[in-house]
C-alpha atoms as a PDB file:
ATOM      1  CA  UNK A   1     -21.692 -14.187  10.041  1.00  0.00           C
ATOM      2  CA  UNK A   2     -21.772 -17.654  11.553  1.00  0.00           C
ATOM      3  CA  UNK A   3     -24.814 -19.919  11.672  1.00  0.00           C
ATOM      4  CA  UNK A   4     -26.550 -19.725  15.037  1.00  0.00           C
ATOM      5  CA  UNK A   5     -28.400 -22.624  16.581  1.00  0.00           C
ATOM      6  CA  UNK A   6     -29.763 -23.799  19.895  1.00  0.00           C
ATOM      7  CA  UNK A   7     -29.376 -27.221  21.477  1.00  0.00           C
ATOM      8  CA  UNK A   8     -32.011 -28.492  23.870  1.00  0.00           C
ATOM      9  CA  UNK A   9     -31.226 -31.528  26.000  1.00  0.00           C
ATOM     10  CA  UNK A  10     -34.146 -33.032  27.901  1.00  0.00           C
ATOM     11  CA  UNK A  11     -35.694 -36.161  29.369  1.00  0.00           C
ATOM     12  CA  UNK A  12     -38.777 -37.351  27.514  1.00  0.00           C
ATOM     13  CA  UNK A  13     -41.090 -40.280  28.143  1.00  0.00           C
ATOM     14  CA  UNK A  14     -40.022 -42.999  25.725  1.00  0.00           C
ATOM     15  CA  UNK A  15     -43.598 -43.521  24.492  1.00  0.00           C
ATOM     16  CA  UNK A  16     -44.222 -39.783  23.952  1.00  0.00           C
ATOM     17  CA  UNK A  17     -44.247 -38.064  20.572  1.00  0.00           C
ATOM     18  CA  UNK A  18     -40.907 -36.334  20.062  1.00  0.00           C
ATOM     19  CA  UNK A  19     -40.797 -32.534  19.836  1.00  0.00           C
ATOM     20  CA  UNK A  20     -39.260 -32.522  16.343  1.00  0.00           C
ATOM     21  CA  UNK A  21     -42.184 -34.643  15.093  1.00  0.00           C
ATOM     22  CA  UNK A  22     -44.682 -32.171  16.570  1.00  0.00           C
ATOM     23  CA  UNK A  23     -42.863 -29.197  15.015  1.00  0.00           C
ATOM     24  CA  UNK A  24     -42.755 -30.923  11.600  1.00  0.00           C
ATOM     25  CA  UNK A  25     -46.472 -31.796  11.799  1.00  0.00           C
ATOM     26  CA  UNK A  26     -47.405 -28.201  12.649  1.00  0.00           C
ATOM     27  CA  UNK A  27     -45.189 -26.871   9.823  1.00  0.00           C
ATOM     28  CA  UNK A  28     -46.893 -29.203   7.335  1.00  0.00           C
ATOM     29  CA  UNK A  29     -50.380 -28.327   8.603  1.00  0.00           C
ATOM     30  CA  UNK A  30     -49.629 -24.604   8.467  1.00  0.00           C
ATOM     31  CA  UNK A  31     -47.926 -24.644   5.068  1.00  0.00           C
ATOM     32  CA  UNK A  32     -48.627 -21.341   3.353  1.00  0.00           C
ATOM     33  CA  UNK A  33     -49.738 -19.684   6.610  1.00  0.00           C
ATOM     34  CA  UNK A  34     -46.730 -17.598   7.594  1.00  0.00           C
ATOM     35  CA  UNK A  35     -48.555 -16.284  10.674  1.00  0.00           C
ATOM     36  CA  UNK A  36     -48.177 -19.800  12.075  1.00  0.00           C
ATOM     37  CA  UNK A  37     -44.992 -21.152  10.500  1.00  0.00           C
ATOM     38  CA  UNK A  38     -42.845 -18.045  11.082  1.00  0.00           C
ATOM     39  CA  UNK A  39     -43.099 -18.702  14.822  1.00  0.00           C
ATOM     40  CA  UNK A  40     -41.692 -22.236  14.625  1.00  0.00           C
ATOM     41  CA  UNK A  41     -38.005 -23.122  14.874  1.00  0.00           C
ATOM     42  CA  UNK A  42     -36.216 -24.857  12.026  1.00  0.00           C
ATOM     43  CA  UNK A  43     -35.201 -28.328  13.206  1.00  0.00           C
ATOM     44  CA  UNK A  44     -31.604 -29.053  12.219  1.00  0.00           C
ATOM     45  CA  UNK A  45     -31.388 -32.438  13.894  1.00  0.00           C
ATOM     46  CA  UNK A  46     -32.348 -34.566  16.845  1.00  0.00           C
ATOM     47  CA  UNK A  47     -30.988 -37.566  18.702  1.00  0.00           C
ATOM     48  CA  UNK A  48     -32.524 -40.047  21.129  1.00  0.00           C
ATOM     49  CA  UNK A  49     -29.900 -41.634  23.376  1.00  0.00           C
ATOM     50  CA  UNK A  50     -29.986 -45.034  25.040  1.00  0.00           C
ATOM     51  CA  UNK A  51     -29.891 -43.423  28.482  1.00  0.00           C
ATOM     52  CA  UNK A  52     -33.085 -44.100  30.421  1.00  0.00           C
ATOM     53  CA  UNK A  53     -33.794 -43.496  34.084  1.00  0.00           C
ATOM     54  CA  UNK A  54     -35.351 -46.980  34.258  1.00  0.00           C
ATOM     55  CA  UNK A  55     -31.955 -48.516  33.436  1.00  0.00           C
ATOM     56  CA  UNK A  56     -30.360 -46.620  36.320  1.00  0.00           C
ATOM     57  CA  UNK A  57     -33.098 -47.775  38.702  1.00  0.00           C
ATOM     58  CA  UNK A  58     -32.578 -51.398  37.610  1.00  0.00           C
ATOM     59  CA  UNK A  59     -28.792 -51.228  38.124  1.00  0.00           C
ATOM     60  CA  UNK A  60     -29.345 -49.789  41.608  1.00  0.00           C
ATOM     61  CA  UNK A  61     -31.792 -52.586  42.392  1.00  0.00           C
ATOM     62  CA  UNK A  62     -34.683 -50.202  42.936  1.00  0.00           C
ATOM     63  CA  UNK A  63     -38.138 -51.672  42.393  1.00  0.00           C
ATOM     64  CA  UNK A  64     -39.631 -49.807  39.453  1.00  0.00           C
ATOM     65  CA  UNK A  65     -43.360 -50.369  39.084  1.00  0.00           C
ATOM     66  CA  UNK A  66     -43.420 -48.451  35.801  1.00  0.00           C
ATOM     67  CA  UNK A  67     -43.053 -50.126  32.428  1.00  0.00           C
ATOM     68  CA  UNK A  68     -39.999 -49.297  30.297  1.00  0.00           C
ATOM     69  CA  UNK A  69     -42.163 -47.351  27.824  1.00  0.00           C
ATOM     70  CA  UNK A  70     -42.829 -44.832  30.622  1.00  0.00           C
ATOM     71  CA  UNK A  71     -39.177 -44.479  31.543  1.00  0.00           C
ATOM     72  CA  UNK A  72     -37.763 -41.066  30.627  1.00  0.00           C
ATOM     73  CA  UNK A  73     -35.225 -41.182  27.781  1.00  0.00           C
ATOM     74  CA  UNK A  74     -32.443 -38.636  27.227  1.00  0.00           C
ATOM     75  CA  UNK A  75     -32.976 -36.621  24.024  1.00  0.00           C
ATOM     76  CA  UNK A  76     -31.320 -33.720  22.229  1.00  0.00           C
ATOM     77  CA  UNK A  77     -32.932 -31.328  19.752  1.00  0.00           C
ATOM     78  CA  UNK A  78     -30.984 -28.868  17.587  1.00  0.00           C
ATOM     79  CA  UNK A  79     -32.736 -25.960  15.918  1.00  0.00           C
ATOM     80  CA  UNK A  80     -32.177 -22.500  14.514  1.00  0.00           C
ATOM     81  CA  UNK A  81     -34.402 -19.462  14.742  1.00  0.00           C
ATOM     82  CA  UNK A  82     -36.742 -18.905  11.795  1.00  0.00           C
END
C-alpha cells in the first residue's frame, strides 16, 4: 500500500501564523490527549514561496496602500491523515 498524503496550496498573509505552526502547537498542547490529537493531520512538510500579490501589483504599477507584511504569500502544506 502506498503512502497517501494531501497537498494544500493557498495564499496566506505574510505576517500571519502559518498553519503548520498552529497544528504543531495544538499537538504539543494536547500531548497525551488522543481525543484532541487524533483529529489533527500529520504535517509532512511545508513551503513558503516568494510569490506575493504585492509584487504583482507593483510590477503592474498599481498603487498598493497596504504594507508588504499584509501582502498574501503563496504557501504549500503537505500532510497525511492521522
